[in-house]
């Protein structure tokens, strides 16, 4: 699986590029297909970053990432 730096992930924010990606526990997911991530924002969360710590307060479980394609690893 391809590896990406935090800087490379930051470009996949739905604004600098069309891709809307987020990282969680070292894996990077493409959430572009989700209507909830329109324009790279989901509630108070921004795409293009590692959301591992932010999602401890989320109303959903980690299983939500099973809906999305894993596109890489965060290094």
PDB file of N, CA and C in Angstrom:
ATOM      1  N   UNK A   1       0.852  -1.176   0.000  1.00  0.00           N
ATOM      2  CA  UNK A   1       0.000   0.000   0.000  1.00  0.00           C
ATOM      3  C   UNK A   1       0.899   1.241   0.000  1.00  0.00           C
ATOM      4  N   UNK A   2       0.522   2.221  -0.780  1.00  0.00           N
ATOM      5  CA  UNK A   2       1.313   3.438  -0.914  1.00  0.00           C
ATOM      6  C   UNK A   2       1.335   4.200   0.412  1.00  0.00           C
ATOM      7  N   UNK A   3       2.470   4.850   0.687  1.00  0.00           N
ATOM      8  CA  UNK A   3       2.624   5.635   1.909  1.00  0.00           C
ATOM      9  C   UNK A   3       2.590   7.124   1.568  1.00  0.00           C
ATOM     10  N   UNK A   4       1.977   7.900   2.449  1.00  0.00           N
ATOM     11  CA  UNK A   4       1.846   9.342   2.267  1.00  0.00           C
ATOM     12  C   UNK A   4       2.292  10.060   3.537  1.00  0.00           C
ATOM     13  N   UNK A   5       2.906  11.206   3.361  1.00  0.00           N
ATOM     14  CA  UNK A   5       3.273  12.046   4.492  1.00  0.00           C
ATOM     15  C   UNK A   5       2.057  12.889   4.901  1.00  0.00           C
ATOM     16  N   UNK A   6       2.155  13.539   6.033  1.00  0.00           N
ATOM     17  CA  UNK A   6       1.087  14.445   6.476  1.00  0.00           C
ATOM     18  C   UNK A   6       0.907  15.598   5.483  1.00  0.00           C
ATOM     19  N   UNK A   7       2.004  16.045   4.879  1.00  0.00           N
ATOM     20  CA  UNK A   7       1.929  17.125   3.897  1.00  0.00           C
ATOM     21  C   UNK A   7       1.176  16.678   2.644  1.00  0.00           C
ATOM     22  N   UNK A   8       1.428  15.448   2.200  1.00  0.00           N
ATOM     23  CA  UNK A   8       0.715  14.917   1.034  1.00  0.00           C
ATOM     24  C   UNK A   8      -0.760  14.709   1.349  1.00  0.00           C
ATOM     25  N   UNK A   9      -1.052  14.231   2.534  1.00  0.00           N
ATOM     26  CA  UNK A   9      -2.439  14.056   2.951  1.00  0.00           C
ATOM     27  C   UNK A   9      -3.160  15.402   2.989  1.00  0.00           C
ATOM     28  N   UNK A  10      -2.486  16.427   3.477  1.00  0.00           N
ATOM     29  CA  UNK A  10      -3.095  17.750   3.603  1.00  0.00           C
ATOM     30  C   UNK A  10      -3.596  18.303   2.270  1.00  0.00           C
ATOM     31  N   UNK A  11      -2.984  17.888   1.167  1.00  0.00           N
ATOM     32  CA  UNK A  11      -3.419  18.354  -0.155  1.00  0.00           C
ATOM     33  C   UNK A  11      -4.732  17.715  -0.597  1.00  0.00           C
ATOM     34  N   UNK A  12      -5.091  16.603   0.026  1.00  0.00           N
ATOM     35  CA  UNK A  12      -6.334  15.897  -0.344  1.00  0.00           C
ATOM     36  C   UNK A  12      -7.463  16.374   0.566  1.00  0.00           C
ATOM     37  N   UNK A  13      -7.740  17.660   0.502  1.00  0.00           N
ATOM     38  CA  UNK A  13      -8.703  18.275   1.398  1.00  0.00           C
ATOM     39  C   UNK A  13      -9.990  18.716   0.709  1.00  0.00           C
ATOM     40  N   UNK A  14     -10.153  18.323  -0.544  1.00  0.00           N
ATOM     41  CA  UNK A  14     -11.361  18.694  -1.282  1.00  0.00           C
ATOM     42  C   UNK A  14     -11.323  20.097  -1.848  1.00  0.00           C
ATOM     43  N   UNK A  15     -10.265  20.826  -1.576  1.00  0.00           N
ATOM     44  CA  UNK A  15     -10.154  22.192  -2.079  1.00  0.00           C
ATOM     45  C   UNK A  15      -8.901  22.359  -2.932  1.00  0.00           C
ATOM     46  N   UNK A  16      -7.765  21.887  -2.435  1.00  0.00           N
ATOM     47  CA  UNK A  16      -6.541  21.957  -3.226  1.00  0.00           C
ATOM     48  C   UNK A  16      -6.552  20.927  -4.349  1.00  0.00           C
ATOM     49  N   UNK A  17      -7.180  19.810  -4.083  1.00  0.00           N
ATOM     50  CA  UNK A  17      -7.390  18.747  -5.071  1.00  0.00           C
ATOM     51  C   UNK A  17      -8.790  18.206  -4.879  1.00  0.00           C
ATOM     52  N   UNK A  18      -9.278  17.448  -5.854  1.00  0.00           N
ATOM     53  CA  UNK A  18     -10.636  16.907  -5.754  1.00  0.00           C
ATOM     54  C   UNK A  18     -10.765  15.823  -4.697  1.00  0.00           C
ATOM     55  N   UNK A  19      -9.672  15.110  -4.418  1.00  0.00           N
ATOM     56  CA  UNK A  19      -9.746  14.025  -3.446  1.00  0.00           C
ATOM     57  C   UNK A  19     -10.056  14.570  -2.058  1.00  0.00           C
ATOM     58  N   UNK A  20     -10.884  13.811  -1.335  1.00  0.00           N
ATOM     59  CA  UNK A  20     -11.198  14.135   0.053  1.00  0.00           C
ATOM     60  C   UNK A  20     -10.775  12.919   0.868  1.00  0.00           C
ATOM     61  N   UNK A  21      -9.621  13.039   1.525  1.00  0.00           N
ATOM     62  CA  UNK A  21      -9.049  11.931   2.274  1.00  0.00           C
ATOM     63  C   UNK A  21      -8.911  12.299   3.739  1.00  0.00           C
ATOM     64  N   UNK A  22      -9.013  11.288   4.592  1.00  0.00           N
ATOM     65  CA  UNK A  22      -8.736  11.448   6.013  1.00  0.00           C
ATOM     66  C   UNK A  22      -7.928  10.244   6.480  1.00  0.00           C
ATOM     67  N   UNK A  23      -7.158  10.450   7.529  1.00  0.00           N
ATOM     68  CA  UNK A  23      -6.396   9.351   8.117  1.00  0.00           C
ATOM     69  C   UNK A  23      -7.016   8.986   9.458  1.00  0.00           C
ATOM     70  N   UNK A  24      -6.946   7.691   9.764  1.00  0.00           N
ATOM     71  CA  UNK A  24      -7.420   7.191  11.053  1.00  0.00           C
ATOM     72  C   UNK A  24      -6.578   5.980  11.429  1.00  0.00           C
ATOM     73  N   UNK A  25      -5.927   6.074  12.572  1.00  0.00           N
ATOM     74  CA  UNK A  25      -5.074   5.001  13.092  1.00  0.00           C
ATOM     75  C   UNK A  25      -4.062   4.497  12.065  1.00  0.00           C
ATOM     76  N   UNK A  26      -3.433   5.438  11.355  1.00  0.00           N
ATOM     77  CA  UNK A  26      -2.366   5.103  10.418  1.00  0.00           C
ATOM     78  C   UNK A  26      -2.806   4.753   9.012  1.00  0.00           C
ATOM     79  N   UNK A  27      -4.104   4.571   8.812  1.00  0.00           N
ATOM     80  CA  UNK A  27      -4.627   4.276   7.478  1.00  0.00           C
ATOM     81  C   UNK A  27      -5.272   5.526   6.891  1.00  0.00           C
ATOM     82  N   UNK A  28      -5.196   5.658   5.564  1.00  0.00           N
ATOM     83  CA  UNK A  28      -5.803   6.795   4.873  1.00  0.00           C
ATOM     84  C   UNK A  28      -6.981   6.294   4.057  1.00  0.00           C
ATOM     85  N   UNK A  29      -8.107   6.993   4.201  1.00  0.00           N
ATOM     86  CA  UNK A  29      -9.345   6.608   3.530  1.00  0.00           C
ATOM     87  C   UNK A  29      -9.806   7.721   2.595  1.00  0.00           C
ATOM     88  N   UNK A  30     -10.366   7.308   1.456  1.00  0.00           N
ATOM     89  CA  UNK A  30     -10.952   8.244   0.505  1.00  0.00           C
ATOM     90  C   UNK A  30     -12.433   8.390   0.847  1.00  0.00           C
ATOM     91  N   UNK A  31     -12.815   9.554   1.367  1.00  0.00           N
ATOM     92  CA  UNK A  31     -14.209   9.802   1.748  1.00  0.00           C
ATOM     93  C   UNK A  31     -14.911  10.714   0.741  1.00  0.00           C
ATOM     94  N   UNK A  32     -14.327  10.839  -0.447  1.00  0.00           N
ATOM     95  CA  UNK A  32     -14.861  11.721  -1.490  1.00  0.00           C
ATOM     96  C   UNK A  32     -16.307  11.405  -1.857  1.00  0.00           C
ATOM     97  N   UNK A  33     -16.690  10.149  -1.779  1.00  0.00           N
ATOM     98  CA  UNK A  33     -18.035   9.746  -2.193  1.00  0.00           C
ATOM     99  C   UNK A  33     -19.109  10.068  -1.159  1.00  0.00           C
ATOM    100  N   UNK A  34     -18.709  10.465   0.020  1.00  0.00           N
ATOM    101  CA  UNK A  34     -19.678  10.729   1.087  1.00  0.00           C
ATOM    102  C   UNK A  34     -20.260  12.131   0.976  1.00  0.00           C
ATOM    103  N   UNK A  35     -21.575  12.215   0.977  1.00  0.00           N
ATOM    104  CA  UNK A  35     -22.221  13.533   0.959  1.00  0.00           C
ATOM    105  C   UNK A  35     -21.933  14.291   2.246  1.00  0.00           C
ATOM    106  N   UNK A  36     -21.574  13.566   3.301  1.00  0.00           N
ATOM    107  CA  UNK A  36     -21.278  14.200   4.585  1.00  0.00           C
ATOM    108  C   UNK A  36     -19.914  14.884   4.609  1.00  0.00           C
ATOM    109  N   UNK A  37     -19.087  14.605   3.622  1.00  0.00           N
ATOM    110  CA  UNK A  37     -17.768  15.236   3.520  1.00  0.00           C
ATOM    111  C   UNK A  37     -17.716  16.233   2.372  1.00  0.00           C
ATOM    112  N   UNK A  38     -18.857  16.723   1.944  1.00  0.00           N
ATOM    113  CA  UNK A  38     -18.911  17.686   0.845  1.00  0.00           C
ATOM    114  C   UNK A  38     -18.019  18.886   1.167  1.00  0.00           C
ATOM    115  N   UNK A  39     -17.245  19.303   0.207  1.00  0.00           N
ATOM    116  CA  UNK A  39     -16.317  20.433   0.338  1.00  0.00           C
ATOM    117  C   UNK A  39     -15.220  20.193   1.377  1.00  0.00           C
ATOM    118  N   UNK A  40     -14.997  18.935   1.760  1.00  0.00           N
ATOM    119  CA  UNK A  40     -13.881  18.624   2.646  1.00  0.00           C
ATOM    120  C   UNK A  40     -14.119  18.865   4.118  1.00  0.00           C
ATOM    121  N   UNK A  41     -15.360  19.069   4.519  1.00  0.00           N
ATOM    122  CA  UNK A  41     -15.665  19.308   5.931  1.00  0.00           C
ATOM    123  C   UNK A  41     -16.825  18.426   6.368  1.00  0.00           C
ATOM    124  N   UNK A  42     -16.715  17.886   7.566  1.00  0.00           N
ATOM    125  CA  UNK A  42     -17.770  17.062   8.148  1.00  0.00           C
ATOM    126  C   UNK A  42     -17.952  17.528   9.590  1.00  0.00           C
ATOM    127  N   UNK A  43     -19.029  18.249   9.816  1.00  0.00           N
ATOM    128  CA  UNK A  43     -19.246  18.916  11.105  1.00  0.00           C
ATOM    129  C   UNK A  43     -18.023  19.769  11.420  1.00  0.00           C
ATOM    130  N   UNK A  44     -17.347  19.550  12.535  1.00  0.00           N
ATOM    131  CA  UNK A  44     -16.183  20.377  12.866  1.00  0.00           C
ATOM    132  C   UNK A  44     -14.866  19.745  12.417  1.00  0.00           C
ATOM    133  N   UNK A  45     -14.931  18.683  11.642  1.00  0.00           N
ATOM    134  CA  UNK A  45     -13.735  17.977  11.194  1.00  0.00           C
ATOM    135  C   UNK A  45     -13.389  18.375   9.760  1.00  0.00           C
ATOM    136  N   UNK A  46     -12.095  18.544   9.512  1.00  0.00           N
ATOM    137  CA  UNK A  46     -11.606  18.909   8.183  1.00  0.00           C
ATOM    138  C   UNK A  46     -10.862  17.725   7.574  1.00  0.00           C
ATOM    139  N   UNK A  47     -11.036  17.538   6.285  1.00  0.00           N
ATOM    140  CA  UNK A  47     -10.312  16.472   5.592  1.00  0.00           C
ATOM    141  C   UNK A  47      -8.872  16.889   5.371  1.00  0.00           C
ATOM    142  N   UNK A  48      -8.079  15.931   4.890  1.00  0.00           N
ATOM    143  CA  UNK A  48      -6.672  16.197   4.647  1.00  0.00           C
ATOM    144  C   UNK A  48      -5.832  16.114   5.903  1.00  0.00           C
ATOM    145  N   UNK A  49      -6.381  15.478   6.937  1.00  0.00           N
ATOM    146  CA  UNK A  49      -5.624  15.376   8.184  1.00  0.00           C
ATOM    147  C   UNK A  49      -5.918  14.060   8.907  1.00  0.00           C
ATOM    148  N   UNK A  50      -5.132  13.816   9.933  1.00  0.00           N
ATOM    149  CA  UNK A  50      -5.293  12.623  10.772  1.00  0.00           C
ATOM    150  C   UNK A  50      -6.372  12.908  11.813  1.00  0.00           C
ATOM    151  N   UNK A  51      -7.450  12.147  11.787  1.00  0.00           N
ATOM    152  CA  UNK A  51      -8.572  12.367  12.691  1.00  0.00           C
ATOM    153  C   UNK A  51      -8.587  11.398  13.873  1.00  0.00           C
ATOM    154  N   UNK A  52      -7.523  10.661  14.076  1.00  0.00           N
ATOM    155  CA  UNK A  52      -7.494   9.638  15.124  1.00  0.00           C
ATOM    156  C   UNK A  52      -7.898  10.195  16.482  1.00  0.00           C
ATOM    157  N   UNK A  53      -7.295  11.263  16.911  1.00  0.00           N
ATOM    158  CA  UNK A  53      -7.611  11.818  18.233  1.00  0.00           C
ATOM    159  C   UNK A  53      -8.975  12.502  18.267  1.00  0.00           C
ATOM    160  N   UNK A  54      -9.349  13.134  17.176  1.00  0.00           N
ATOM    161  CA  UNK A  54     -10.626  13.845  17.124  1.00  0.00           C
ATOM    162  C   UNK A  54     -11.825  12.906  17.202  1.00  0.00           C
ATOM    163  N   UNK A  55     -11.682  11.693  16.717  1.00  0.00           N
ATOM    164  CA  UNK A  55     -12.838  10.805  16.623  1.00  0.00           C
ATOM    165  C   UNK A  55     -13.154  10.053  17.914  1.00  0.00           C
ATOM    166  N   UNK A  56     -12.406  10.304  18.966  1.00  0.00           N
ATOM    167  CA  UNK A  56     -12.728   9.653  20.238  1.00  0.00           C
ATOM    168  C   UNK A  56     -14.081  10.133  20.763  1.00  0.00           C
ATOM    169  N   UNK A  57     -14.513  11.325  20.356  1.00  0.00           N
ATOM    170  CA  UNK A  57     -15.796  11.888  20.793  1.00  0.00           C
ATOM    171  C   UNK A  57     -16.902  11.721  19.752  1.00  0.00           C
ATOM    172  N   UNK A  58     -16.637  11.010  18.674  1.00  0.00           N
ATOM    173  CA  UNK A  58     -17.617  10.878  17.587  1.00  0.00           C
ATOM    174  C   UNK A  58     -18.811  10.028  18.025  1.00  0.00           C
ATOM    175  N   UNK A  59     -19.990  10.331  17.497  1.00  0.00           N
ATOM    176  CA  UNK A  59     -21.180   9.559  17.851  1.00  0.00           C
ATOM    177  C   UNK A  59     -21.257   8.196  17.157  1.00  0.00           C
ATOM    178  N   UNK A  60     -20.318   7.910  16.265  1.00  0.00           N
ATOM    179  CA  UNK A  60     -20.297   6.623  15.566  1.00  0.00           C
ATOM    180  C   UNK A  60     -19.043   5.855  15.957  1.00  0.00           C
ATOM    181  N   UNK A  61     -18.992   4.604  15.617  1.00  0.00           N
ATOM    182  CA  UNK A  61     -17.824   3.776  15.935  1.00  0.00           C
ATOM    183  C   UNK A  61     -16.809   3.839  14.799  1.00  0.00           C
ATOM    184  N   UNK A  62     -15.668   3.217  15.015  1.00  0.00           N
ATOM    185  CA  UNK A  62     -14.618   3.152  14.000  1.00  0.00           C
ATOM    186  C   UNK A  62     -15.068   2.357  12.786  1.00  0.00           C
ATOM    187  N   UNK A  63     -16.120   1.602  12.905  1.00  0.00           N
ATOM    188  CA  UNK A  63     -16.626   0.783  11.805  1.00  0.00           C
ATOM    189  C   UNK A  63     -17.071   1.622  10.618  1.00  0.00           C
ATOM    190  N   UNK A  64     -17.287   2.906  10.828  1.00  0.00           N
ATOM    191  CA  UNK A  64     -17.721   3.788   9.742  1.00  0.00           C
ATOM    192  C   UNK A  64     -16.722   3.779   8.588  1.00  0.00           C
ATOM    193  N   UNK A  65     -15.445   3.513   8.884  1.00  0.00           N
ATOM    194  CA  UNK A  65     -14.428   3.523   7.823  1.00  0.00           C
ATOM    195  C   UNK A  65     -14.529   2.312   6.903  1.00  0.00           C
ATOM    196  N   UNK A  66     -15.268   1.291   7.278  1.00  0.00           N
ATOM    197  CA  UNK A  66     -15.449   0.129   6.396  1.00  0.00           C
ATOM    198  C   UNK A  66     -16.194   0.500   5.124  1.00  0.00           C
ATOM    199  N   UNK A  67     -16.904   1.621   5.137  1.00  0.00           N
ATOM    200  CA  UNK A  67     -17.657   2.084   3.973  1.00  0.00           C
ATOM    201  C   UNK A  67     -16.755   2.684   2.896  1.00  0.00           C
ATOM    202  N   UNK A  68     -15.524   3.015   3.269  1.00  0.00           N
ATOM    203  CA  UNK A  68     -14.654   3.773   2.374  1.00  0.00           C
ATOM    204  C   UNK A  68     -13.417   2.982   1.965  1.00  0.00           C
ATOM    205  N   UNK A  69     -12.902   3.333   0.804  1.00  0.00           N
ATOM    206  CA  UNK A  69     -11.714   2.669   0.274  1.00  0.00           C
ATOM    207  C   UNK A  69     -10.470   3.154   1.024  1.00  0.00           C
ATOM    208  N   UNK A  70      -9.662   2.219   1.447  1.00  0.00           N
ATOM    209  CA  UNK A  70      -8.370   2.545   2.048  1.00  0.00           C
ATOM    210  C   UNK A  70      -7.401   2.786   0.899  1.00  0.00           C
ATOM    211  N   UNK A  71      -6.769   3.971   0.893  1.00  0.00           N
ATOM    212  CA  UNK A  71      -5.911   4.342  -0.231  1.00  0.00           C
ATOM    213  C   UNK A  71      -4.442   4.413   0.120  1.00  0.00           C
ATOM    214  N   UNK A  72      -4.104   4.294   1.390  1.00  0.00           N
ATOM    215  CA  UNK A  72      -2.696   4.357   1.747  1.00  0.00           C
ATOM    216  C   UNK A  72      -2.464   4.297   3.241  1.00  0.00           C
ATOM    217  N   UNK A  73      -1.183   4.491   3.576  1.00  0.00           N
ATOM    218  CA  UNK A  73      -0.728   4.503   4.968  1.00  0.00           C
ATOM    219  C   UNK A  73      -0.125   5.874   5.243  1.00  0.00           C
ATOM    220  N   UNK A  74      -0.356   6.376   6.445  1.00  0.00           N
ATOM    221  CA  UNK A  74       0.221   7.636   6.868  1.00  0.00           C
ATOM    222  C   UNK A  74       1.590   7.371   7.493  1.00  0.00           C
ATOM    223  N   UNK A  75       2.610   8.075   6.992  1.00  0.00           N
ATOM    224  CA  UNK A  75       3.955   7.892   7.570  1.00  0.00           C
ATOM    225  C   UNK A  75       4.394   9.154   8.287  1.00  0.00           C
TER     226      UNK A  75
END
